[in-house]
Amino acid sequence: MRAVIMAGGRGTRLAPYTTILPKPLMPIGDMPILEVVIRQLHLAGVEAVTLAVGHLASLLMAYFGDGSAFGIPITYSVEAVPLGTAGPLGLLEGLEETFLVLNGDLLTDLDFAAMIAAHQDAKADATVGVFRREVRIDLGVVEEDGFGHIARYIEKPTHQFLVSMGIYVFEPSVLRHLPVGERCDLPALIEALLSSSCAVLSYRHEGYWLDIGRPDDYQVAQGEFDRLRDRLLGPTRRSAGAAPETA
């Protein structure tokens, strides 16, 4: 199984830090968030990783190298121009079997192997990892009756939504729906698959998930990483840059 990690974004929401450091190298505890992700993929049995890089690519390539320090081969696809979150897939060769695609700034205890198995059992063309997220509106929300009268006043309501985790399992056939050499984001690719009546599966995760692209969530991740470390990386605690143990 091969994983493609989207690591080329500019991370503007975490500026000014990301003007000098690519978002996937932002530290969580004693290691970059992308190192956490790569170590998890290695533990899940993923055999190779390709990093789709762009912004400050040289720093990512210098840190991760060929992947030997992390127990998994790592290659790189460098964007000459930004192609979005799905466009870089069109540059890759060798995607001839089921493959995993994910963002490089996620903190989650998702069982990647179980998600891949569910995708294959369902014979889906694509599977989207989803998570139930609560969104609080920090304002008083007013509902009208259509005649200028207030029908309801709700102070700081909380809504629940199923949101994409930024983790996908794809069959090679989905690449036919990518515009060649053009910018394309993953939501647009999923919409194209749905429009073509492809089988798109939803895989719901009930555990832990954070997208650290928002400053508030990054701060939460910083505060919770030590508590979650064994749950995320297994009981053997490894320091940053240390190679995984092998049998």
C-alpha atoms as a PDB file:
ATOM      1  CA  MET A   1       0.000   0.000   0.000  1.00  0.00           C
ATOM      2  CA  ARG A   2       1.265   3.446  -0.975  1.00  0.00           C
ATOM      3  CA  ALA A   3       0.295   6.704   0.715  1.00  0.00           C
ATOM      4  CA  VAL A   4       0.404  10.139  -0.884  1.00  0.00           C
ATOM      5  CA  ILE A   5       0.649  12.990   1.612  1.00  0.00           C
ATOM      6  CA  MET A   6      -0.269  16.507   0.557  1.00  0.00           C
ATOM      7  CA  ALA A   7       2.436  18.681   2.082  1.00  0.00           C
ATOM      8  CA  GLY A   8       2.750  21.565  -0.371  1.00  0.00           C
ATOM      9  CA  GLY A   9       0.371  24.179   1.048  1.00  0.00           C
ATOM     10  CA  ARG A  10       1.468  27.570   2.330  1.00  0.00           C
ATOM     11  CA  GLY A  11      -0.342  27.220   5.679  1.00  0.00           C
ATOM     12  CA  THR A  12      -1.492  30.839   5.651  1.00  0.00           C
ATOM     13  CA  ARG A  13      -3.738  30.396   8.695  1.00  0.00           C
ATOM     14  CA  LEU A  14      -0.668  29.655  10.819  1.00  0.00           C
ATOM     15  CA  ALA A  15       1.296  32.675   9.576  1.00  0.00           C
ATOM     16  CA  PRO A  16       3.739  34.137  10.422  1.00  0.00           C
ATOM     17  CA  TYR A  17       5.289  30.803  11.523  1.00  0.00           C
ATOM     18  CA  THR A  18       4.674  29.207   8.137  1.00  0.00           C
ATOM     19  CA  THR A  19       6.511  31.941   6.253  1.00  0.00           C
ATOM     20  CA  ILE A  20       9.760  30.262   7.323  1.00  0.00           C
ATOM     21  CA  LEU A  21       8.580  26.743   8.208  1.00  0.00           C
ATOM     22  CA  PRO A  22       6.258  24.531   6.122  1.00  0.00           C
ATOM     23  CA  LYS A  23       3.108  23.664   8.039  1.00  0.00           C
ATOM     24  CA  PRO A  24       3.857  19.894   8.123  1.00  0.00           C
ATOM     25  CA  LEU A  25       7.072  20.696  10.050  1.00  0.00           C
ATOM     26  CA  MET A  26       5.219  22.593  12.778  1.00  0.00           C
ATOM     27  CA  PRO A  27       6.147  20.805  16.012  1.00  0.00           C
ATOM     28  CA  ILE A  28       3.737  18.754  18.081  1.00  0.00           C
ATOM     29  CA  GLY A  29       5.510  17.789  21.276  1.00  0.00           C
ATOM     30  CA  ASP A  30       9.035  16.736  20.317  1.00  0.00           C
ATOM     31  CA  MET A  31       8.434  16.064  16.601  1.00  0.00           C
ATOM     32  CA  PRO A  32       6.845  17.670  13.549  1.00  0.00           C
ATOM     33  CA  ILE A  33       3.208  16.794  12.896  1.00  0.00           C
ATOM     34  CA  LEU A  34       4.159  15.125   9.592  1.00  0.00           C
ATOM     35  CA  GLU A  35       6.587  12.832  11.394  1.00  0.00           C
ATOM     36  CA  VAL A  36       3.722  11.694  13.623  1.00  0.00           C
ATOM     37  CA  VAL A  37       1.664  10.917  10.503  1.00  0.00           C
ATOM     38  CA  ILE A  38       4.493   9.046   8.768  1.00  0.00           C
ATOM     39  CA  ARG A  39       5.249   6.954  11.852  1.00  0.00           C
ATOM     40  CA  GLN A  40       1.555   6.058  12.100  1.00  0.00           C
ATOM     41  CA  LEU A  41       1.478   4.968   8.464  1.00  0.00           C
ATOM     42  CA  HIS A  42       4.544   2.802   9.033  1.00  0.00           C
ATOM     43  CA  LEU A  43       2.863   1.135  12.014  1.00  0.00           C
ATOM     44  CA  ALA A  44      -0.282   0.585   9.903  1.00  0.00           C
ATOM     45  CA  GLY A  45       1.679  -1.387   7.317  1.00  0.00           C
ATOM     46  CA  VAL A  46       1.909   1.254   4.590  1.00  0.00           C
ATOM     47  CA  GLU A  47       4.884   0.295   2.433  1.00  0.00           C
ATOM     48  CA  ALA A  48       5.834   3.586   0.758  1.00  0.00           C
ATOM     49  CA  VAL A  49       5.085   7.300   1.065  1.00  0.00           C
ATOM     50  CA  THR A  50       5.162  10.045  -1.541  1.00  0.00           C
ATOM     51  CA  LEU A  51       5.196  13.627  -0.293  1.00  0.00           C
ATOM     52  CA  ALA A  52       3.605  16.130  -2.687  1.00  0.00           C
ATOM     53  CA  VAL A  53       5.586  19.258  -1.843  1.00  0.00           C
ATOM     54  CA  GLY A  54       5.765  22.843  -3.005  1.00  0.00           C
ATOM     55  CA  HIS A  55       6.117  25.633  -0.423  1.00  0.00           C
ATOM     56  CA  LEU A  56       9.538  25.380   1.277  1.00  0.00           C
ATOM     57  CA  ALA A  57       9.947  21.905  -0.223  1.00  0.00           C
ATOM     58  CA  SER A  58      13.692  21.807   0.433  1.00  0.00           C
ATOM     59  CA  LEU A  59      13.133  21.880   4.202  1.00  0.00           C
ATOM     60  CA  LEU A  60      10.756  18.919   4.066  1.00  0.00           C
ATOM     61  CA  MET A  61      13.149  16.994   1.827  1.00  0.00           C
ATOM     62  CA  ALA A  62      16.096  17.745   4.107  1.00  0.00           C
ATOM     63  CA  TYR A  63      14.228  16.579   7.228  1.00  0.00           C
ATOM     64  CA  PHE A  64      12.682  13.357   5.894  1.00  0.00           C
ATOM     65  CA  GLY A  65      15.270  12.384   3.295  1.00  0.00           C
ATOM     66  CA  ASP A  66      14.676   8.957   1.762  1.00  0.00           C
ATOM     67  CA  GLY A  67      12.667   7.817   4.797  1.00  0.00           C
ATOM     68  CA  SER A  68      15.254   5.364   6.074  1.00  0.00           C
ATOM     69  CA  ALA A  69      15.275   7.047   9.502  1.00  0.00           C
ATOM     70  CA  PHE A  70      11.543   6.367   9.777  1.00  0.00           C
ATOM     71  CA  GLY A  71      11.453   2.817   8.450  1.00  0.00           C
ATOM     72  CA  ILE A  72       9.530   3.602   5.273  1.00  0.00           C
ATOM     73  CA  PRO A  73      10.697   4.666   1.772  1.00  0.00           C
ATOM     74  CA  ILE A  74       9.838   8.303   1.023  1.00  0.00           C
ATOM     75  CA  THR A  75       9.812   9.899  -2.430  1.00  0.00           C
ATOM     76  CA  TYR A  76       8.807  13.401  -3.499  1.00  0.00           C
ATOM     77  CA  SER A  77       6.660  15.044  -6.130  1.00  0.00           C
ATOM     78  CA  VAL A  78       7.532  18.740  -6.487  1.00  0.00           C
ATOM     79  CA  GLU A  79       4.933  21.139  -7.887  1.00  0.00           C
ATOM     80  CA  ALA A  80       6.281  23.819 -10.208  1.00  0.00           C
ATOM     81  CA  VAL A  81       3.002  25.694  -9.700  1.00  0.00           C
ATOM     82  CA  PRO A  82       0.375  25.087  -7.001  1.00  0.00           C
ATOM     83  CA  LEU A  83      -2.066  22.390  -8.150  1.00  0.00           C
ATOM     84  CA  GLY A  84      -4.386  22.223  -5.138  1.00  0.00           C
ATOM     85  CA  THR A  85      -4.958  19.224  -2.897  1.00  0.00           C
ATOM     86  CA  ALA A  86      -5.855  16.749  -5.671  1.00  0.00           C
ATOM     87  CA  GLY A  87      -3.984  18.084  -8.720  1.00  0.00           C
ATOM     88  CA  PRO A  88      -0.590  16.676  -7.611  1.00  0.00           C
ATOM     89  CA  LEU A  89      -1.992  13.149  -7.993  1.00  0.00           C
ATOM     90  CA  GLY A  90      -1.950  13.686 -11.743  1.00  0.00           C
ATOM     91  CA  LEU A  91       1.836  14.076 -11.648  1.00  0.00           C
ATOM     92  CA  LEU A  92       2.505  10.724 -10.028  1.00  0.00           C
ATOM     93  CA  GLU A  93       3.440   7.517 -11.779  1.00  0.00           C
ATOM     94  CA  GLY A  94       2.823   4.024 -10.504  1.00  0.00           C
ATOM     95  CA  LEU A  95      -0.571   4.562  -8.833  1.00  0.00           C
ATOM     96  CA  GLU A  96      -1.831   1.262 -10.196  1.00  0.00           C
ATOM     97  CA  GLU A  97      -3.330  -0.189  -7.013  1.00  0.00           C
ATOM     98  CA  THR A  98      -5.483   1.049  -4.143  1.00  0.00           C
ATOM     99  CA  PHE A  99      -3.738   4.006  -2.498  1.00  0.00           C
ATOM    100  CA  LEU A 100      -4.172   6.332   0.464  1.00  0.00           C
ATOM    101  CA  VAL A 101      -4.252  10.132   0.238  1.00  0.00           C
ATOM    102  CA  LEU A 102      -4.103  12.415   3.258  1.00  0.00           C
ATOM    103  CA  ASN A 103      -3.175  15.874   4.414  1.00  0.00           C
ATOM    104  CA  GLY A 104       0.130  16.273   6.225  1.00  0.00           C
ATOM    105  CA  ASP A 105      -1.196  18.283   9.167  1.00  0.00           C
ATOM    106  CA  LEU A 106      -3.570  15.844  10.877  1.00  0.00           C
ATOM    107  CA  LEU A 107      -3.484  14.533  14.431  1.00  0.00           C
ATOM    108  CA  THR A 108      -5.673  11.445  14.694  1.00  0.00           C
ATOM    109  CA  ASP A 109      -5.836   7.945  16.125  1.00  0.00           C
ATOM    110  CA  LEU A 110      -7.625   6.632  13.033  1.00  0.00           C
ATOM    111  CA  ASP A 111      -6.966   2.959  12.279  1.00  0.00           C
ATOM    112  CA  PHE A 112      -5.691   3.378   8.705  1.00  0.00           C
ATOM    113  CA  ALA A 113      -5.626  -0.369   8.076  1.00  0.00           C
ATOM    114  CA  ALA A 114      -9.280  -0.720   9.106  1.00  0.00           C
ATOM    115  CA  MET A 115     -10.317   2.140   6.812  1.00  0.00           C
ATOM    116  CA  ILE A 116      -8.483   0.580   3.864  1.00  0.00           C
ATOM    117  CA  ALA A 117     -10.082  -2.803   4.598  1.00  0.00           C
ATOM    118  CA  ALA A 118     -13.570  -1.241   4.728  1.00  0.00           C
ATOM    119  CA  HIS A 119     -12.928   0.447   1.381  1.00  0.00           C
ATOM    120  CA  GLN A 120     -11.822  -2.783  -0.250  1.00  0.00           C
ATOM    121  CA  ASP A 121     -14.640  -4.849   1.270  1.00  0.00           C
ATOM    122  CA  ALA A 122     -17.180  -2.358  -0.130  1.00  0.00           C
ATOM    123  CA  LYS A 123     -15.482  -2.376  -3.544  1.00  0.00           C
ATOM    124  CA  ALA A 124     -15.708   1.420  -3.493  1.00  0.00           C
ATOM    125  CA  ASP A 125     -14.034   3.720  -5.987  1.00  0.00           C
ATOM    126  CA  ALA A 126     -13.262   6.198  -3.213  1.00  0.00           C
ATOM    127  CA  THR A 127     -13.636   6.336   0.558  1.00  0.00           C
ATOM    128  CA  VAL A 128     -13.712   9.557   2.570  1.00  0.00           C
ATOM    129  CA  GLY A 129     -12.845   9.556   6.262  1.00  0.00           C
ATOM    130  CA  VAL A 130     -15.443  11.596   8.184  1.00  0.00           C
ATOM    131  CA  PHE A 131     -15.667  12.862  11.743  1.00  0.00           C
ATOM    132  CA  ARG A 132     -18.519  14.383  13.727  1.00  0.00           C
ATOM    133  CA  ARG A 133     -17.448  17.902  14.666  1.00  0.00           C
ATOM    134  CA  GLU A 134     -19.213  20.393  16.925  1.00  0.00           C
ATOM    135  CA  VAL A 135     -19.177  24.012  15.806  1.00  0.00           C
ATOM    136  CA  ARG A 136     -20.142  26.675  18.323  1.00  0.00           C
ATOM    137  CA  ILE A 137     -21.514  30.006  17.168  1.00  0.00           C
ATOM    138  CA  ASP A 138     -20.274  32.586  19.677  1.00  0.00           C
ATOM    139  CA  LEU A 139     -23.169  34.920  18.991  1.00  0.00           C
ATOM    140  CA  GLY A 140     -26.853  35.109  19.785  1.00  0.00           C
ATOM    141  CA  VAL A 141     -28.662  33.617  16.769  1.00  0.00           C
ATOM    142  CA  VAL A 142     -32.054  35.079  15.881  1.00  0.00           C
ATOM    143  CA  GLU A 143     -34.778  33.401  13.820  1.00  0.00           C
ATOM    144  CA  GLU A 144     -37.568  35.472  12.261  1.00  0.00           C
ATOM    145  CA  ASP A 145     -41.113  34.484  11.397  1.00  0.00           C
ATOM    146  CA  GLY A 146     -41.084  36.172   7.992  1.00  0.00           C
ATOM    147  CA  PHE A 147     -42.988  39.245   9.158  1.00  0.00           C
ATOM    148  CA  GLY A 148     -40.186  40.995  11.024  1.00  0.00           C
ATOM    149  CA  HIS A 149     -41.008  39.362  14.365  1.00  0.00           C
ATOM    150  CA  ILE A 150     -38.492  37.352  16.319  1.00  0.00           C
ATOM    151  CA  ALA A 151     -39.674  33.761  16.501  1.00  0.00           C
ATOM    152  CA  ARG A 152     -36.701  32.349  18.353  1.00  0.00           C
ATOM    153  CA  TYR A 153     -33.523  33.574  20.059  1.00  0.00           C
ATOM    154  CA  ILE A 154     -30.713  31.093  20.635  1.00  0.00           C
ATOM    155  CA  GLU A 155     -27.686  32.177  22.627  1.00  0.00           C
ATOM    156  CA  LYS A 156     -24.395  30.718  21.332  1.00  0.00           C
ATOM    157  CA  PRO A 157     -25.820  27.543  19.758  1.00  0.00           C
ATOM    158  CA  THR A 158     -23.738  24.472  18.966  1.00  0.00           C
ATOM    159  CA  HIS A 159     -24.224  22.575  15.712  1.00  0.00           C
ATOM    160  CA  GLN A 160     -22.921  19.172  14.720  1.00  0.00           C
ATOM    161  CA  PHE A 161     -21.666  18.294  11.253  1.00  0.00           C
ATOM    162  CA  LEU A 162     -19.984  15.353   9.595  1.00  0.00           C
ATOM    163  CA  VAL A 163     -16.761  16.809   8.218  1.00  0.00           C
ATOM    164  CA  SER A 164     -14.074  15.404   5.980  1.00  0.00           C
ATOM    165  CA  MET A 165     -10.978  14.340   7.890  1.00  0.00           C
ATOM    166  CA  GLY A 166      -8.686  14.972   4.935  1.00  0.00           C
ATOM    167  CA  ILE A 167      -8.050  11.220   4.611  1.00  0.00           C
ATOM    168  CA  TYR A 168      -9.074   9.274   1.498  1.00  0.00           C
ATOM    169  CA  VAL A 169      -8.666   5.825  -0.006  1.00  0.00           C
ATOM    170  CA  PHE A 170      -8.764   5.775  -3.813  1.00  0.00           C
ATOM    171  CA  GLU A 171      -8.742   3.287  -6.641  1.00  0.00           C
ATOM    172  CA  PRO A 172      -6.521   4.171  -9.636  1.00  0.00           C
ATOM    173  CA  SER A 173      -9.681   4.721 -11.725  1.00  0.00           C
ATOM    174  CA  VAL A 174     -10.374   8.019  -9.916  1.00  0.00           C
ATOM    175  CA  LEU A 175      -7.373   9.583 -11.670  1.00  0.00           C
ATOM    176  CA  ARG A 176      -9.382   9.648 -14.892  1.00  0.00           C
ATOM    177  CA  HIS A 177     -11.533  12.354 -13.312  1.00  0.00           C
ATOM    178  CA  LEU A 178      -8.622  14.728 -12.699  1.00  0.00           C
ATOM    179  CA  PRO A 179      -8.140  17.643 -15.111  1.00  0.00           C
ATOM    180  CA  VAL A 180      -4.647  17.126 -16.537  1.00  0.00           C
ATOM    181  CA  GLY A 181      -2.142  19.774 -15.457  1.00  0.00           C
ATOM    182  CA  GLU A 182      -4.816  21.954 -13.865  1.00  0.00           C
ATOM    183  CA  ARG A 183      -5.462  22.970 -10.292  1.00  0.00           C
ATOM    184  CA  CYS A 184      -7.969  20.698  -8.570  1.00  0.00           C
ATOM    185  CA  ASP A 185      -8.878  20.262  -4.912  1.00  0.00           C
ATOM    186  CA  LEU A 186     -10.040  17.043  -3.320  1.00  0.00           C
ATOM    187  CA  PRO A 187     -13.636  18.253  -2.731  1.00  0.00           C
ATOM    188  CA  ALA A 188     -13.919  18.976  -6.462  1.00  0.00           C
ATOM    189  CA  LEU A 189     -12.568  15.510  -7.267  1.00  0.00           C
ATOM    190  CA  ILE A 190     -15.124  13.903  -4.953  1.00  0.00           C
ATOM    191  CA  GLU A 191     -17.895  15.963  -6.599  1.00  0.00           C
ATOM    192  CA  ALA A 192     -16.703  14.753 -10.013  1.00  0.00           C
ATOM    193  CA  LEU A 193     -16.812  11.150  -8.811  1.00  0.00           C
ATOM    194  CA  LEU A 194     -20.341  11.596  -7.468  1.00  0.00           C
ATOM    195  CA  SER A 195     -21.470  13.211 -10.724  1.00  0.00           C
ATOM    196  CA  SER A 196     -20.136  10.185 -12.585  1.00  0.00           C
ATOM    197  CA  SER A 197     -22.052   7.776 -10.290  1.00  0.00           C
ATOM    198  CA  CYS A 198     -18.872   6.326  -8.841  1.00  0.00           C
ATOM    199  CA  ALA A 199     -19.136   4.441  -5.545  1.00  0.00           C
ATOM    200  CA  VAL A 200     -17.978   6.866  -2.830  1.00  0.00           C
ATOM    201  CA  LEU A 201     -17.978   5.427   0.687  1.00  0.00           C
ATOM    202  CA  SER A 202     -18.110   7.363   3.945  1.00  0.00           C
ATOM    203  CA  TYR A 203     -15.907   5.937   6.721  1.00  0.00           C
ATOM    204  CA  ARG A 204     -16.831   7.402  10.088  1.00  0.00           C
ATOM    205  CA  HIS A 205     -14.151   7.719  12.767  1.00  0.00           C
ATOM    206  CA  GLU A 206     -15.328   7.897  16.357  1.00  0.00           C
ATOM    207  CA  GLY A 207     -11.952   8.494  17.995  1.00  0.00           C
ATOM    208  CA  TYR A 208      -9.640  11.518  17.986  1.00  0.00           C
ATOM    209  CA  TRP A 209      -9.051  13.953  15.117  1.00  0.00           C
ATOM    210  CA  LEU A 210      -7.702  17.467  14.749  1.00  0.00           C
ATOM    211  CA  ASP A 211      -6.680  19.487  11.698  1.00  0.00           C
ATOM    212  CA  ILE A 212      -3.880  21.659  13.061  1.00  0.00           C
ATOM    213  CA  GLY A 213      -4.226  24.190  10.246  1.00  0.00           C
ATOM    214  CA  ARG A 214      -6.249  26.485  12.510  1.00  0.00           C
ATOM    215  CA  PRO A 215      -4.368  28.268  15.311  1.00  0.00           C
ATOM    216  CA  ASP A 216      -6.929  27.237  17.943  1.00  0.00           C
ATOM    217  CA  ASP A 217      -6.690  23.565  17.003  1.00  0.00           C
ATOM    218  CA  TYR A 218      -2.898  23.745  16.845  1.00  0.00           C
ATOM    219  CA  GLN A 219      -2.831  24.989  20.421  1.00  0.00           C
ATOM    220  CA  VAL A 220      -5.185  22.184  21.482  1.00  0.00           C
ATOM    221  CA  ALA A 221      -2.941  19.620  19.792  1.00  0.00           C
ATOM    222  CA  GLN A 222       0.116  21.003  21.565  1.00  0.00           C
ATOM    223  CA  GLY A 223      -1.610  20.643  24.920  1.00  0.00           C
ATOM    224  CA  GLU A 224      -2.906  17.113  24.315  1.00  0.00           C
ATOM    225  CA  PHE A 225      -0.059  15.390  22.481  1.00  0.00           C
ATOM    226  CA  ASP A 226       1.789  14.055  25.525  1.00  0.00           C
ATOM    227  CA  ARG A 227      -1.419  12.573  26.912  1.00  0.00           C
ATOM    228  CA  LEU A 228      -2.264  10.978  23.562  1.00  0.00           C
ATOM    229  CA  ARG A 229       1.223   9.900  22.523  1.00  0.00           C
ATOM    230  CA  ASP A 230       0.925   6.184  23.303  1.00  0.00           C
ATOM    231  CA  ARG A 231      -2.535   6.121  21.712  1.00  0.00           C
ATOM    232  CA  LEU A 232      -1.172   7.727  18.536  1.00  0.00           C
ATOM    233  CA  LEU A 233       2.215   6.048  18.214  1.00  0.00           C
ATOM    234  CA  GLY A 234       1.998   2.909  20.305  1.00  0.00           C
ATOM    235  CA  PRO A 235       3.522   2.181  23.719  1.00  0.00           C
ATOM    236  CA  THR A 236       7.139   2.515  22.549  1.00  0.00           C
ATOM    237  CA  ARG A 237       7.952   6.214  22.866  1.00  0.00           C
ATOM    238  CA  ARG A 238      10.398   7.412  20.248  1.00  0.00           C
ATOM    239  CA  SER A 239      12.161  10.721  20.196  1.00  0.00           C
ATOM    240  CA  ALA A 240      12.185  12.899  17.094  1.00  0.00           C
ATOM    241  CA  GLY A 241      14.472  11.583  14.367  1.00  0.00           C
ATOM    242  CA  ALA A 242      14.903   8.147  15.979  1.00  0.00           C
ATOM    243  CA  ALA A 243      14.399   5.214  13.638  1.00  0.00           C
ATOM    244  CA  PRO A 244      11.513   2.848  14.450  1.00  0.00           C
ATOM    245  CA  GLU A 245      12.433  -0.445  16.045  1.00  0.00           C
ATOM    246  CA  THR A 246      12.499  -3.421  13.722  1.00  0.00           C
ATOM    247  CA  ALA A 247      12.123  -7.077  14.515  1.00  0.00           C
END
